[in-house]
Amino acid sequence: MFVTPAFAQAAGGAGGAFASFIPLILIFAIMYFLLIRPQQKKVKEHQKMVEALRRGDQVVTAGGLIGKVSKVKEDGEVEVEVAEGVRVRVVKHTISQVLNKTEPANS
């Protein structure tokens, strides 16, 4: 008639321990597909955009400056002409958008 604590604990078994982790696994899977994976995809697209920068591209920086790329440097910098004769050095990864892309020169 009376259930001892030891007998009540044994009723759950090993299946109960795994079943308690299922919600945690589902939460991680949902977070991966809704948050982590799209963010990684966005970062890859931004890296491709930054690597494809060429002289003559019209770009928008993270600070809101709109200008034309006048020189692409090797050390992660780009020289952007924001007005006639006014050039600003900008870190490549702060370029947020490419407005007009120049076509590559035909050889």
Protein backbone atom coordinates (compact mmCIF):
# COMPACT_ATOMS: atom_id res chain seq x y z
CA MET A 1 0.00 0.00 0.00
CA PHE A 2 2.77 2.49 0.88
CA VAL A 3 5.36 3.31 -1.78
CA THR A 4 8.88 3.65 -0.48
CA PRO A 5 11.07 6.47 -1.93
CA ALA A 6 13.56 3.97 -3.37
CA PHE A 7 10.81 2.09 -5.16
CA ALA A 8 9.33 5.31 -6.57
CA GLN A 9 12.70 6.46 -7.93
CA ALA A 10 13.29 3.20 -9.74
CA ALA A 11 10.03 3.60 -11.66
CA GLY A 12 11.50 6.31 -13.95
CA GLY A 13 14.38 4.23 -15.27
CA ALA A 14 16.96 5.27 -17.87
CA GLY A 15 14.29 6.36 -20.36
CA GLY A 16 13.18 9.14 -18.06
CA ALA A 17 16.66 10.69 -18.00
CA PHE A 18 16.82 10.82 -21.81
CA ALA A 19 13.27 12.13 -22.06
CA SER A 20 14.16 15.10 -19.88
CA PHE A 21 16.90 16.13 -22.37
CA ILE A 22 14.62 16.05 -25.42
CA PRO A 23 13.20 19.59 -24.85
CA LEU A 24 16.73 20.94 -24.41
CA ILE A 25 17.83 19.31 -27.67
CA LEU A 26 14.78 20.68 -29.48
CA ILE A 27 15.42 24.20 -28.20
CA PHE A 28 19.03 24.05 -29.42
CA ALA A 29 17.92 22.75 -32.84
CA ILE A 30 15.35 25.52 -33.22
CA MET A 31 17.88 28.19 -32.20
CA TYR A 32 20.41 26.79 -34.67
CA PHE A 33 18.02 26.91 -37.64
CA LEU A 34 16.39 30.23 -36.75
CA LEU A 35 19.33 32.26 -35.40
CA ILE A 36 22.80 30.79 -35.91
CA ARG A 37 22.57 29.42 -39.46
CA PRO A 38 21.07 32.56 -41.08
CA GLN A 39 23.66 34.74 -39.33
CA GLN A 40 26.51 32.59 -40.66
CA LYS A 41 25.05 32.82 -44.16
CA LYS A 42 24.83 36.61 -43.89
CA VAL A 43 28.46 36.85 -42.74
CA LYS A 44 29.63 34.72 -45.70
CA GLU A 45 27.72 36.92 -48.16
CA HIS A 46 29.27 40.06 -46.63
CA GLN A 47 32.77 38.57 -46.90
CA LYS A 48 32.18 37.74 -50.58
CA MET A 49 30.94 41.28 -51.21
CA VAL A 50 33.98 42.82 -49.49
CA GLU A 51 36.43 40.56 -51.34
CA ALA A 52 34.83 41.47 -54.69
CA LEU A 53 35.32 45.23 -54.24
CA ARG A 54 36.96 46.93 -57.21
CA ARG A 55 37.94 50.41 -58.23
CA GLY A 56 34.90 52.34 -59.43
CA ASP A 57 32.29 50.60 -57.24
CA GLN A 58 29.87 52.93 -55.51
CA VAL A 59 29.60 51.89 -51.84
CA VAL A 60 27.87 52.83 -48.59
CA THR A 61 29.93 52.62 -45.39
CA ALA A 62 28.60 51.68 -41.95
CA GLY A 63 28.80 55.36 -41.02
CA GLY A 64 26.51 56.31 -43.88
CA LEU A 65 29.07 57.79 -46.28
CA ILE A 66 28.37 57.18 -49.95
CA GLY A 67 31.31 57.26 -52.28
CA LYS A 68 33.22 55.65 -55.10
CA VAL A 69 36.12 53.26 -54.49
CA SER A 70 39.27 54.86 -55.86
CA LYS A 71 41.83 52.38 -54.57
CA VAL A 72 41.71 48.91 -52.98
CA LYS A 73 44.68 48.34 -50.69
CA GLU A 74 46.09 44.99 -49.61
CA ASP A 75 46.05 45.65 -45.85
CA GLY A 76 42.25 45.57 -45.49
CA GLU A 77 41.66 49.20 -46.42
CA VAL A 78 39.80 50.90 -49.24
CA GLU A 79 40.19 54.47 -50.38
CA VAL A 80 36.74 55.97 -51.04
CA GLU A 81 36.21 59.25 -52.86
CA VAL A 82 33.23 60.96 -51.21
CA ALA A 83 33.47 64.22 -53.16
CA GLU A 84 35.58 65.62 -55.96
CA GLY A 85 39.16 65.41 -54.65
CA VAL A 86 38.13 64.24 -51.14
CA ARG A 87 39.32 60.72 -50.38
CA VAL A 88 38.76 58.80 -47.17
CA ARG A 89 40.50 55.62 -46.05
CA VAL A 90 37.96 53.06 -44.87
CA VAL A 91 38.38 49.57 -43.41
CA LYS A 92 36.96 47.05 -45.89
CA HIS A 93 34.64 45.34 -43.42
CA THR A 94 32.86 48.60 -42.56
CA ILE A 95 31.40 48.75 -46.06
CA SER A 96 27.79 47.75 -45.65
CA GLN A 97 26.47 47.87 -49.20
CA VAL A 98 27.61 48.11 -52.81
CA LEU A 99 25.23 50.34 -54.78
CA ASN A 100 26.71 50.23 -58.29
CA LYS A 101 29.10 47.52 -59.35
CA THR A 102 31.61 48.16 -62.12
CA GLU A 103 32.06 45.56 -64.80
CA PRO A 104 35.46 43.86 -65.06
CA ALA A 105 37.66 44.99 -67.93
CA ASN A 106 37.60 42.63 -70.93
CA SER A 107 41.02 41.29 -71.86
